[in-house]
Amino acid sequence: MGADPRTLEQLRRHYEVEKELADRLRRSSREERRTIYATLYDELFTRVPEHPRLITRESEEAAERSTTARLAILDEVVQPEHTVVEIAPGDCRLSFALCARAAKVIGVDISDQ
């Protein structure tokens, strides 16, 4: 990945939105957090449409190298009888690759983005 292509204004707005959402989360009660947390990323991505997670995609070759490197690490610990949970699986490339190595693979993400 190269330099961030966003303008200084976009970067500043992104920062301010993240700061506001973090403050809202910190000020919330435990019960309120359940609702807030479920919608936080959706709100972030709506308010910051140029967020790198929405616009930046790895090349196929880079994604494959990344998956292969992570699999090499996980091959030492994942056993055929294991259940693996991947948090924030993105495109689920790693989760799909793990299906051949584990009994069950679950991907958990907070946003449908």
N, C-alpha and C. Protein backbone atom coordinates (compact mmCIF):
# COMPACT_ATOMS: atom_id res chain seq x y z
N MET A 1 0.82 -1.17 0.00
CA MET A 1 0.00 0.00 0.00
C MET A 1 0.87 1.24 0.00
N GLY A 2 0.47 2.22 -0.76
CA GLY A 2 1.22 3.45 -0.84
C GLY A 2 0.72 4.46 0.17
N ALA A 3 1.05 5.71 -0.10
CA ALA A 3 0.62 6.80 0.77
C ALA A 3 -0.89 6.94 0.74
N ASP A 4 -1.43 7.46 1.82
CA ASP A 4 -2.88 7.69 1.92
C ASP A 4 -3.28 8.75 0.90
N PRO A 5 -4.21 8.45 0.01
CA PRO A 5 -4.57 9.40 -1.05
C PRO A 5 -5.56 10.49 -0.61
N ARG A 6 -6.00 10.45 0.64
CA ARG A 6 -7.00 11.41 1.10
C ARG A 6 -6.39 12.79 1.33
N THR A 7 -7.25 13.80 1.22
CA THR A 7 -6.82 15.17 1.47
C THR A 7 -6.66 15.37 2.97
N LEU A 8 -5.98 16.44 3.34
CA LEU A 8 -5.84 16.78 4.76
C LEU A 8 -7.21 17.01 5.41
N GLU A 9 -8.11 17.62 4.67
CA GLU A 9 -9.47 17.84 5.18
C GLU A 9 -10.18 16.51 5.46
N GLN A 10 -10.04 15.55 4.57
CA GLN A 10 -10.66 14.23 4.76
C GLN A 10 -10.03 13.51 5.96
N LEU A 11 -8.72 13.62 6.08
CA LEU A 11 -8.04 12.98 7.21
C LEU A 11 -8.47 13.61 8.53
N ARG A 12 -8.59 14.91 8.54
CA ARG A 12 -9.02 15.62 9.74
C ARG A 12 -10.45 15.23 10.12
N ARG A 13 -11.34 15.16 9.11
CA ARG A 13 -12.73 14.78 9.38
C ARG A 13 -12.79 13.35 9.91
N HIS A 14 -12.00 12.46 9.32
CA HIS A 14 -11.95 11.07 9.78
C HIS A 14 -11.52 11.04 11.25
N TYR A 15 -10.48 11.78 11.57
CA TYR A 15 -10.00 11.84 12.95
C TYR A 15 -11.10 12.34 13.89
N GLU A 16 -11.77 13.41 13.51
CA GLU A 16 -12.81 13.99 14.36
C GLU A 16 -13.98 13.01 14.56
N VAL A 17 -14.36 12.31 13.51
CA VAL A 17 -15.45 11.32 13.62
C VAL A 17 -15.03 10.19 14.56
N GLU A 18 -13.82 9.66 14.38
CA GLU A 18 -13.33 8.59 15.25
C GLU A 18 -13.28 9.05 16.70
N LYS A 19 -12.82 10.27 16.92
CA LYS A 19 -12.73 10.82 18.26
C LYS A 19 -14.13 10.95 18.88
N GLU A 20 -15.08 11.45 18.12
CA GLU A 20 -16.45 11.59 18.60
C GLU A 20 -17.06 10.23 18.95
N LEU A 21 -16.87 9.26 18.08
CA LEU A 21 -17.44 7.93 18.32
C LEU A 21 -16.79 7.27 19.53
N ALA A 22 -15.48 7.45 19.68
CA ALA A 22 -14.78 6.89 20.84
C ALA A 22 -15.27 7.54 22.13
N ASP A 23 -15.46 8.85 22.10
CA ASP A 23 -15.99 9.55 23.27
C ASP A 23 -17.38 9.04 23.62
N ARG A 24 -18.22 8.87 22.61
CA ARG A 24 -19.57 8.37 22.84
C ARG A 24 -19.52 6.98 23.48
N LEU A 25 -18.64 6.16 23.01
CA LEU A 25 -18.50 4.81 23.56
C LEU A 25 -18.00 4.86 25.00
N ARG A 26 -17.03 5.71 25.27
CA ARG A 26 -16.49 5.83 26.64
C ARG A 26 -17.54 6.36 27.62
N ARG A 27 -18.39 7.28 27.18
CA ARG A 27 -19.40 7.87 28.06
C ARG A 27 -20.62 6.97 28.26
N SER A 28 -20.77 5.96 27.45
CA SER A 28 -21.97 5.13 27.51
C SER A 28 -21.93 4.17 28.70
N SER A 29 -23.13 3.78 29.13
CA SER A 29 -23.25 2.77 30.18
C SER A 29 -23.01 1.40 29.55
N ARG A 30 -22.86 0.43 30.38
CA ARG A 30 -22.65 -0.94 29.89
C ARG A 30 -23.81 -1.37 28.97
N GLU A 31 -25.03 -1.06 29.39
CA GLU A 31 -26.21 -1.44 28.61
C GLU A 31 -26.26 -0.67 27.28
N GLU A 32 -25.96 0.61 27.32
CA GLU A 32 -25.97 1.42 26.09
C GLU A 32 -24.91 0.93 25.10
N ARG A 33 -23.79 0.44 25.64
CA ARG A 33 -22.69 -0.03 24.79
C ARG A 33 -23.11 -1.15 23.86
N ARG A 34 -24.02 -1.99 24.31
CA ARG A 34 -24.49 -3.09 23.45
C ARG A 34 -25.07 -2.57 22.16
N THR A 35 -25.88 -1.53 22.25
CA THR A 35 -26.50 -0.94 21.06
C THR A 35 -25.49 -0.12 20.27
N ILE A 36 -24.73 0.70 20.96
CA ILE A 36 -23.77 1.57 20.29
C ILE A 36 -22.73 0.75 19.52
N TYR A 37 -22.19 -0.25 20.18
CA TYR A 37 -21.12 -1.04 19.57
C TYR A 37 -21.60 -1.74 18.29
N ALA A 38 -22.86 -2.14 18.28
CA ALA A 38 -23.41 -2.84 17.12
C ALA A 38 -23.54 -1.94 15.90
N THR A 39 -23.60 -0.63 16.11
CA THR A 39 -23.81 0.30 14.99
C THR A 39 -22.63 1.24 14.75
N LEU A 40 -21.62 1.19 15.59
CA LEU A 40 -20.52 2.13 15.53
C LEU A 40 -19.79 2.13 14.19
N TYR A 41 -19.39 0.97 13.72
CA TYR A 41 -18.64 0.92 12.47
C TYR A 41 -19.51 1.31 11.28
N ASP A 42 -20.76 0.93 11.32
CA ASP A 42 -21.65 1.35 10.23
C ASP A 42 -21.73 2.87 10.17
N GLU A 43 -21.84 3.50 11.35
CA GLU A 43 -21.87 4.96 11.37
C GLU A 43 -20.55 5.55 10.89
N LEU A 44 -19.43 4.97 11.33
CA LEU A 44 -18.13 5.44 10.88
C LEU A 44 -18.03 5.39 9.36
N PHE A 45 -18.39 4.26 8.77
CA PHE A 45 -18.26 4.10 7.33
C PHE A 45 -19.24 4.98 6.56
N THR A 46 -20.39 5.29 7.16
CA THR A 46 -21.33 6.20 6.52
C THR A 46 -20.81 7.63 6.55
N ARG A 47 -20.24 8.02 7.68
CA ARG A 47 -19.75 9.39 7.83
C ARG A 47 -18.38 9.62 7.20
N VAL A 48 -17.63 8.54 6.99
CA VAL A 48 -16.30 8.65 6.37
C VAL A 48 -16.27 7.69 5.17
N PRO A 49 -16.95 8.08 4.08
CA PRO A 49 -17.07 7.17 2.94
C PRO A 49 -15.74 6.87 2.24
N GLU A 50 -14.73 7.69 2.48
CA GLU A 50 -13.42 7.44 1.89
C GLU A 50 -12.50 6.68 2.85
N HIS A 51 -13.09 6.06 3.88
CA HIS A 51 -12.32 5.27 4.85
C HIS A 51 -11.51 4.21 4.10
N PRO A 52 -10.23 4.04 4.46
CA PRO A 52 -9.39 3.07 3.75
C PRO A 52 -9.97 1.65 3.71
N ARG A 53 -10.68 1.27 4.75
CA ARG A 53 -11.26 -0.08 4.76
C ARG A 53 -12.31 -0.24 3.65
N LEU A 54 -12.89 0.86 3.21
CA LEU A 54 -13.90 0.80 2.15
C LEU A 54 -13.31 0.95 0.75
N ILE A 55 -12.20 1.66 0.63
CA ILE A 55 -11.70 1.98 -0.71
C ILE A 55 -10.38 1.30 -1.07
N THR A 56 -9.64 0.82 -0.09
CA THR A 56 -8.34 0.23 -0.37
C THR A 56 -8.46 -1.28 -0.41
N ARG A 57 -8.08 -1.83 -1.50
CA ARG A 57 -8.08 -3.29 -1.64
C ARG A 57 -6.68 -3.74 -2.04
N GLU A 58 -6.25 -4.83 -1.43
CA GLU A 58 -4.95 -5.39 -1.78
C GLU A 58 -5.02 -5.98 -3.18
N SER A 59 -3.88 -6.04 -3.83
CA SER A 59 -3.83 -6.77 -5.09
C SER A 59 -4.02 -8.24 -4.77
N GLU A 60 -4.40 -9.01 -5.74
CA GLU A 60 -4.60 -10.45 -5.54
C GLU A 60 -3.31 -11.11 -5.05
N GLU A 61 -2.18 -10.70 -5.60
CA GLU A 61 -0.88 -11.27 -5.22
C GLU A 61 -0.55 -10.93 -3.76
N ALA A 62 -0.78 -9.67 -3.36
CA ALA A 62 -0.49 -9.26 -1.99
C ALA A 62 -1.40 -9.98 -1.00
N ALA A 63 -2.66 -10.14 -1.36
CA ALA A 63 -3.61 -10.84 -0.49
C ALA A 63 -3.21 -12.30 -0.32
N GLU A 64 -2.77 -12.91 -1.40
CA GLU A 64 -2.33 -14.32 -1.34
C GLU A 64 -1.08 -14.47 -0.48
N ARG A 65 -0.13 -13.55 -0.62
CA ARG A 65 1.09 -13.59 0.21
C ARG A 65 0.74 -13.43 1.69
N SER A 66 -0.16 -12.51 1.98
CA SER A 66 -0.57 -12.26 3.36
C SER A 66 -1.24 -13.50 3.95
N THR A 67 -2.14 -14.10 3.20
CA THR A 67 -2.83 -15.31 3.67
C THR A 67 -1.84 -16.45 3.89
N THR A 68 -0.94 -16.65 2.95
CA THR A 68 0.05 -17.71 3.06
C THR A 68 0.94 -17.51 4.29
N ALA A 69 1.34 -16.27 4.55
CA ALA A 69 2.19 -15.98 5.72
C ALA A 69 1.43 -16.26 7.02
N ARG A 70 0.17 -15.87 7.08
CA ARG A 70 -0.61 -16.12 8.30
C ARG A 70 -0.88 -17.61 8.48
N LEU A 71 -1.12 -18.31 7.40
CA LEU A 71 -1.33 -19.76 7.49
C LEU A 71 -0.08 -20.47 8.00
N ALA A 72 1.08 -20.02 7.58
CA ALA A 72 2.33 -20.64 8.04
C ALA A 72 2.46 -20.55 9.56
N ILE A 73 2.05 -19.44 10.12
CA ILE A 73 2.08 -19.27 11.58
C ILE A 73 1.03 -20.16 12.23
N LEU A 74 -0.17 -20.15 11.69
CA LEU A 74 -1.28 -20.90 12.29
C LEU A 74 -1.13 -22.41 12.12
N ASP A 75 -0.43 -22.85 11.10
CA ASP A 75 -0.23 -24.29 10.88
C ASP A 75 0.43 -24.97 12.08
N GLU A 76 1.19 -24.20 12.85
CA GLU A 76 1.88 -24.76 14.01
C GLU A 76 0.93 -25.01 15.18
N VAL A 77 -0.23 -24.34 15.19
CA VAL A 77 -1.13 -24.47 16.34
C VAL A 77 -2.51 -25.02 16.01
N VAL A 78 -2.98 -24.85 14.80
CA VAL A 78 -4.32 -25.31 14.44
C VAL A 78 -4.30 -26.81 14.15
N GLN A 79 -5.16 -27.52 14.84
CA GLN A 79 -5.26 -28.97 14.67
C GLN A 79 -6.60 -29.31 14.00
N PRO A 80 -6.69 -30.47 13.33
CA PRO A 80 -7.91 -30.83 12.61
C PRO A 80 -9.18 -30.86 13.46
N GLU A 81 -9.06 -31.07 14.77
CA GLU A 81 -10.24 -31.12 15.63
C GLU A 81 -10.61 -29.75 16.22
N HIS A 82 -9.84 -28.73 15.94
CA HIS A 82 -10.06 -27.39 16.51
C HIS A 82 -11.20 -26.63 15.84
N THR A 83 -11.77 -25.71 16.63
CA THR A 83 -12.66 -24.68 16.10
C THR A 83 -11.85 -23.39 16.14
N VAL A 84 -11.81 -22.67 15.03
CA VAL A 84 -11.06 -21.43 14.92
C VAL A 84 -12.05 -20.29 14.75
N VAL A 85 -11.85 -19.21 15.50
CA VAL A 85 -12.67 -18.02 15.36
C VAL A 85 -11.75 -16.90 14.89
N GLU A 86 -12.08 -16.33 13.73
CA GLU A 86 -11.31 -15.19 13.23
C GLU A 86 -12.12 -13.93 13.49
N ILE A 87 -11.53 -13.01 14.23
CA ILE A 87 -12.16 -11.74 14.54
C ILE A 87 -11.79 -10.74 13.44
N ALA A 88 -12.78 -10.02 12.94
CA ALA A 88 -12.58 -9.05 11.85
C ALA A 88 -11.95 -9.74 10.63
N PRO A 89 -12.65 -10.69 10.04
CA PRO A 89 -12.07 -11.49 8.98
C PRO A 89 -11.94 -10.80 7.62
N GLY A 90 -12.47 -9.60 7.50
CA GLY A 90 -12.34 -8.89 6.22
C GLY A 90 -13.01 -9.66 5.11
N ASP A 91 -12.23 -10.07 4.11
CA ASP A 91 -12.79 -10.80 2.97
C ASP A 91 -12.90 -12.30 3.23
N CYS A 92 -12.57 -12.74 4.43
CA CYS A 92 -12.66 -14.14 4.88
C CYS A 92 -11.69 -15.07 4.15
N ARG A 93 -10.73 -14.50 3.47
CA ARG A 93 -9.75 -15.32 2.74
C ARG A 93 -9.03 -16.30 3.69
N LEU A 94 -8.59 -15.79 4.84
CA LEU A 94 -7.89 -16.65 5.80
C LEU A 94 -8.85 -17.69 6.37
N SER A 95 -10.06 -17.29 6.70
CA SER A 95 -11.05 -18.22 7.24
C SER A 95 -11.31 -19.36 6.27
N PHE A 96 -11.49 -19.02 4.99
CA PHE A 96 -11.73 -20.06 3.99
C PHE A 96 -10.54 -21.01 3.88
N ALA A 97 -9.33 -20.47 3.93
CA ALA A 97 -8.14 -21.31 3.86
C ALA A 97 -8.04 -22.23 5.08
N LEU A 98 -8.47 -21.74 6.23
CA LEU A 98 -8.42 -22.54 7.46
C LEU A 98 -9.42 -23.68 7.46
N CYS A 99 -10.45 -23.60 6.62
CA CYS A 99 -11.46 -24.67 6.57
C CYS A 99 -10.84 -26.02 6.24
N ALA A 100 -9.75 -26.04 5.51
CA ALA A 100 -9.09 -27.30 5.17
C ALA A 100 -8.23 -27.82 6.32
N ARG A 101 -8.06 -27.02 7.37
CA ARG A 101 -7.15 -27.38 8.46
C ARG A 101 -7.85 -27.57 9.81
N ALA A 102 -9.10 -27.11 9.94
CA ALA A 102 -9.79 -27.17 11.23
C ALA A 102 -11.18 -27.77 11.04
N ALA A 103 -11.73 -28.27 12.14
CA ALA A 103 -13.06 -28.87 12.10
C ALA A 103 -14.13 -27.82 11.82
N LYS A 104 -13.94 -26.63 12.36
CA LYS A 104 -14.94 -25.58 12.21
C LYS A 104 -14.22 -24.22 12.20
N VAL A 105 -14.67 -23.33 11.34
CA VAL A 105 -14.11 -21.98 11.28
C VAL A 105 -15.25 -20.98 11.31
N ILE A 106 -15.12 -20.00 12.20
CA ILE A 106 -16.15 -18.98 12.38
C ILE A 106 -15.50 -17.61 12.17
N GLY A 107 -16.12 -16.78 11.34
CA GLY A 107 -15.66 -15.41 11.16
C GLY A 107 -16.62 -14.48 11.86
N VAL A 108 -16.12 -13.58 12.69
CA VAL A 108 -16.94 -12.66 13.46
C VAL A 108 -16.52 -11.23 13.12
N ASP A 109 -17.48 -10.44 12.66
CA ASP A 109 -17.20 -9.04 12.36
C ASP A 109 -18.31 -8.18 12.94
N ILE A 110 -17.99 -6.95 13.26
CA ILE A 110 -18.97 -6.07 13.86
C ILE A 110 -19.79 -5.33 12.81
N SER A 111 -19.31 -5.30 11.60
CA SER A 111 -19.98 -4.55 10.56
C SER A 111 -20.12 -5.41 9.32
N ASP A 112 -21.17 -5.17 8.55
CA ASP A 112 -21.32 -5.92 7.31
C ASP A 112 -20.53 -5.29 6.17
N GLN A 113 -19.75 -4.26 6.47
CA GLN A 113 -18.90 -3.63 5.48
C GLN A 113 -17.73 -4.52 5.16
